[in-house]
Protein backbone atom coordinates (compact mmCIF):
# COMPACT_ATOMS: atom_id res chain seq x y z
CA MET A 1 106.62 -113.84 -102.66
CA THR A 2 109.60 -114.86 -100.39
CA ASP A 3 110.67 -117.60 -102.76
CA SER A 4 110.77 -115.15 -105.75
CA LYS A 5 112.65 -112.60 -103.73
CA ASN A 6 115.24 -115.13 -102.63
CA GLU A 7 115.60 -116.57 -106.08
CA LEU A 8 116.16 -113.07 -107.47
CA GLN A 9 118.70 -112.26 -104.75
CA ASN A 10 120.53 -115.46 -105.50
CA ALA A 11 120.60 -114.81 -109.22
CA LEU A 12 121.80 -111.32 -108.77
CA ASN A 13 124.62 -112.56 -106.36
CA GLU A 14 125.79 -114.84 -109.16
CA ILE A 15 126.29 -112.03 -111.70
CA ASP A 16 129.93 -111.68 -112.61
CA GLY A 17 130.66 -107.98 -112.32
CA ALA A 18 133.86 -108.22 -114.26
CA THR A 19 132.07 -109.56 -117.24
CA VAL A 20 129.48 -106.74 -117.03
CA GLY A 21 132.49 -104.39 -116.94
CA ARG A 22 134.01 -105.98 -120.03
CA MET A 23 130.74 -105.69 -121.90
CA ALA A 24 130.43 -102.03 -120.99
CA ALA A 25 134.04 -101.54 -122.19
CA GLU A 26 133.42 -103.17 -125.42
CA LEU A 27 130.34 -100.98 -126.03
CA ILE A 28 132.34 -97.79 -125.02
CA LYS A 29 135.20 -98.77 -127.38
CA ALA A 30 132.85 -99.37 -130.36
CA LEU A 31 130.77 -96.19 -129.66
CA LYS A 32 133.80 -94.00 -129.35
CA ALA A 33 134.99 -95.44 -132.72
CA LYS A 34 131.60 -94.22 -134.19
CA LYS A 35 130.33 -97.81 -134.52
CA LYS A 36 126.79 -99.00 -133.91
CA ILE A 37 125.18 -101.20 -131.34
CA LEU A 38 122.55 -103.50 -132.90
CA VAL A 39 120.27 -105.07 -130.12
CA CYS A 40 117.86 -107.91 -130.55
CA GLY A 41 115.66 -110.17 -128.60
CA ASN A 42 112.22 -111.98 -128.77
CA GLY A 43 109.15 -111.27 -126.57
CA GLY A 44 110.10 -109.75 -123.35
CA SER A 45 113.69 -109.73 -124.54
CA ALA A 46 112.68 -107.54 -127.45
CA ALA A 47 111.12 -105.03 -125.13
CA ASP A 48 114.33 -105.10 -123.18
CA ALA A 49 116.36 -104.61 -126.46
CA GLN A 50 114.16 -101.55 -127.19
CA HIS A 51 114.62 -100.23 -123.66
CA PHE A 52 118.47 -100.70 -123.98
CA ALA A 53 118.67 -98.92 -127.30
CA ALA A 54 116.49 -96.07 -126.07
CA GLU A 55 118.83 -95.64 -122.98
CA LEU A 56 121.83 -95.39 -125.44
CA VAL A 57 120.19 -93.06 -128.07
CA CYS A 58 118.27 -90.91 -125.67
CA THR A 59 119.79 -90.73 -122.17
CA PHE A 60 120.18 -92.85 -119.15
CA ASP A 61 121.12 -90.98 -116.11
CA ASP A 62 122.83 -87.83 -117.41
CA ARG A 63 120.68 -85.76 -119.62
CA THR A 64 123.64 -83.90 -121.02
CA ARG A 65 125.22 -86.76 -122.78
CA ALA A 66 125.05 -86.83 -126.50
CA GLY A 67 123.03 -89.53 -128.28
CA LEU A 68 124.78 -92.73 -129.04
CA ARG A 69 124.37 -95.13 -132.16
CA ALA A 70 122.05 -97.90 -131.13
CA ILE A 71 119.30 -99.68 -133.02
CA ALA A 72 116.84 -102.24 -131.65
CA LEU A 73 116.10 -104.68 -134.43
CA SER A 74 112.68 -105.60 -133.14
CA THR A 75 111.05 -102.25 -133.46
CA ASP A 76 110.27 -101.88 -137.17
CA THR A 77 107.05 -103.84 -137.68
CA SER A 78 107.08 -103.47 -141.45
CA ILE A 79 110.54 -105.22 -141.70
CA LEU A 80 109.56 -107.81 -139.21
CA THR A 81 106.31 -108.76 -140.84
CA ALA A 82 107.51 -108.45 -144.36
CA TRP A 83 110.58 -110.46 -143.94
CA SER A 84 109.04 -113.07 -141.71
CA ASN A 85 105.92 -113.45 -144.03
CA ASP A 86 108.05 -113.92 -147.18
CA PHE A 87 111.24 -115.77 -145.84
CA GLY A 88 110.56 -116.86 -142.24
CA PHE A 89 111.06 -115.50 -138.71
CA ASN A 90 114.27 -117.53 -138.19
CA THR A 91 116.26 -115.17 -140.37
CA VAL A 92 114.57 -111.82 -139.52
CA PHE A 93 117.39 -110.47 -137.29
CA GLU A 94 120.02 -112.03 -139.67
CA ARG A 95 118.60 -109.95 -142.63
CA GLN A 96 118.74 -106.73 -140.44
CA VAL A 97 122.35 -107.45 -139.41
CA ASP A 98 123.30 -107.99 -142.95
CA ALA A 99 121.58 -104.69 -144.06
CA LEU A 100 122.61 -102.50 -141.10
CA GLY A 101 125.71 -103.94 -139.53
CA ASP A 102 129.39 -103.09 -140.34
CA ALA A 103 132.65 -104.40 -139.28
CA GLY A 104 133.35 -103.18 -135.74
CA ASP A 105 129.72 -102.79 -134.77
CA ILE A 106 128.32 -104.90 -131.90
CA LEU A 107 125.45 -107.16 -131.91
CA PHE A 108 124.00 -107.20 -128.52
CA CYS A 109 121.62 -110.17 -128.03
CA ILE A 110 119.11 -110.60 -125.12
CA THR A 111 117.58 -114.02 -124.61
CA THR A 112 116.27 -116.09 -121.69
CA SER A 113 117.44 -119.35 -123.11
CA GLY A 114 119.92 -118.83 -126.01
CA ASN A 115 117.92 -121.32 -128.09
CA SER A 116 116.26 -119.02 -130.58
CA GLU A 117 117.35 -119.65 -134.10
CA ASN A 118 116.80 -116.06 -135.18
CA ILE A 119 119.32 -114.92 -132.63
CA ILE A 120 121.74 -117.62 -133.51
CA ASN A 121 121.48 -116.79 -137.24
CA ALA A 122 121.96 -113.13 -136.59
CA MET A 123 125.02 -113.85 -134.49
CA LYS A 124 126.54 -116.02 -137.26
CA LYS A 125 125.82 -113.13 -139.78
CA ALA A 126 127.47 -110.64 -137.39
CA LYS A 127 130.63 -112.81 -137.22
CA GLU A 128 130.74 -112.94 -141.11
CA LYS A 129 130.57 -109.13 -141.16
CA GLY A 130 133.30 -108.64 -138.65
CA MET A 131 131.16 -107.62 -135.83
CA LYS A 132 131.36 -108.64 -132.20
CA ASN A 133 128.77 -110.67 -130.41
CA ILE A 134 127.69 -110.03 -126.83
CA ILE A 135 124.90 -111.99 -125.32
CA LEU A 136 122.85 -111.90 -122.17
CA SER A 137 121.30 -115.35 -121.71
CA GLY A 138 119.56 -117.36 -119.11
CA LYS A 139 119.19 -121.05 -117.89
CA ASN A 140 122.28 -122.75 -119.23
CA GLY A 141 123.05 -120.19 -122.00
CA GLY A 142 121.94 -122.36 -124.90
CA PRO A 143 123.69 -123.00 -128.30
CA ALA A 144 123.94 -119.22 -128.93
CA LEU A 145 126.88 -119.10 -126.44
CA LYS A 146 129.25 -120.68 -128.89
CA HIS A 147 128.79 -117.69 -131.24
CA ALA A 148 129.54 -115.05 -128.50
CA ASP A 149 132.54 -113.02 -128.01
CA LEU A 150 131.45 -112.08 -124.68
CA SER A 151 128.50 -113.56 -122.66
CA LEU A 152 126.76 -113.49 -119.22
CA VAL A 153 124.34 -116.24 -118.28
CA VAL A 154 121.86 -115.85 -115.54
CA ALA A 155 121.74 -119.39 -114.27
CA SER A 156 118.08 -119.40 -113.27
CA LYS A 157 115.27 -121.49 -114.72
CA SER A 158 112.78 -118.63 -114.03
CA THR A 159 112.13 -116.49 -116.96
CA PRO A 160 111.02 -113.48 -114.78
CA ARG A 161 114.10 -113.73 -112.50
CA ILE A 162 116.28 -113.98 -115.66
CA GLN A 163 114.71 -110.86 -117.09
CA GLU A 164 114.97 -109.00 -113.94
CA CYS A 165 118.72 -109.70 -113.60
CA GLN A 166 119.22 -108.88 -117.28
CA ILE A 167 117.69 -105.38 -116.90
CA PHE A 168 119.96 -104.85 -113.87
CA VAL A 169 122.98 -105.70 -116.15
CA ILE A 170 121.67 -103.44 -118.85
CA HIS A 171 121.30 -100.63 -116.54
CA SER A 172 124.79 -101.25 -115.08
CA ILE A 173 126.22 -101.13 -118.55
CA CYS A 174 124.33 -97.86 -119.37
CA ALA A 175 125.61 -96.28 -116.13
CA ALA A 176 129.27 -97.13 -117.19
CA VAL A 177 128.59 -95.81 -120.71
CA ASP A 178 127.32 -92.60 -119.25
CA GLY A 179 130.41 -92.51 -117.03
CA ALA A 180 132.58 -92.62 -120.18
CA TYR A 181 130.87 -89.74 -121.82
CA VAL A 182 130.08 -87.37 -119.01
CA PRO A 183 132.81 -85.57 -116.97
CA LYS A 184 132.90 -86.56 -113.32
CA LYS A 185 131.65 -83.82 -110.98
């Protein structure tokens, strides 16, 4: 347990707060311009994408904040299974970005490696559509980093530690978003 605790503490200490702030600022700018945040990930990162979208649409810390435009691309099982069955899983998020994304929107990708082809293809499509790409990645960031406008890499080899740090970052972003919409007391 101590090794996991130390590894988590070390990974958290390496998170660049300025980058987290820039990520939050980009989301706030897009949301205030009535743009959408499309969020995607695979496996545990898909769950984190859903969590993130729910915090934006519903509420994070302040229950008086209006709902914000966010969609987790991993939530519609009919779209996921129909497209993947007929055309392949590698383009499932790309298709949704093509259908739902508009110039000025943000694609927010969550991955523990940056290697997933469906994430990379979605990022390429987002660029074509004039969207910004923000990515939370792990390990060495992977090939998805070259498609990112803004990135934060949790430089750990442990998937659980990466995910724990990423949820901390997501919650930090949500707190900043709340702060931009809720008057200070």
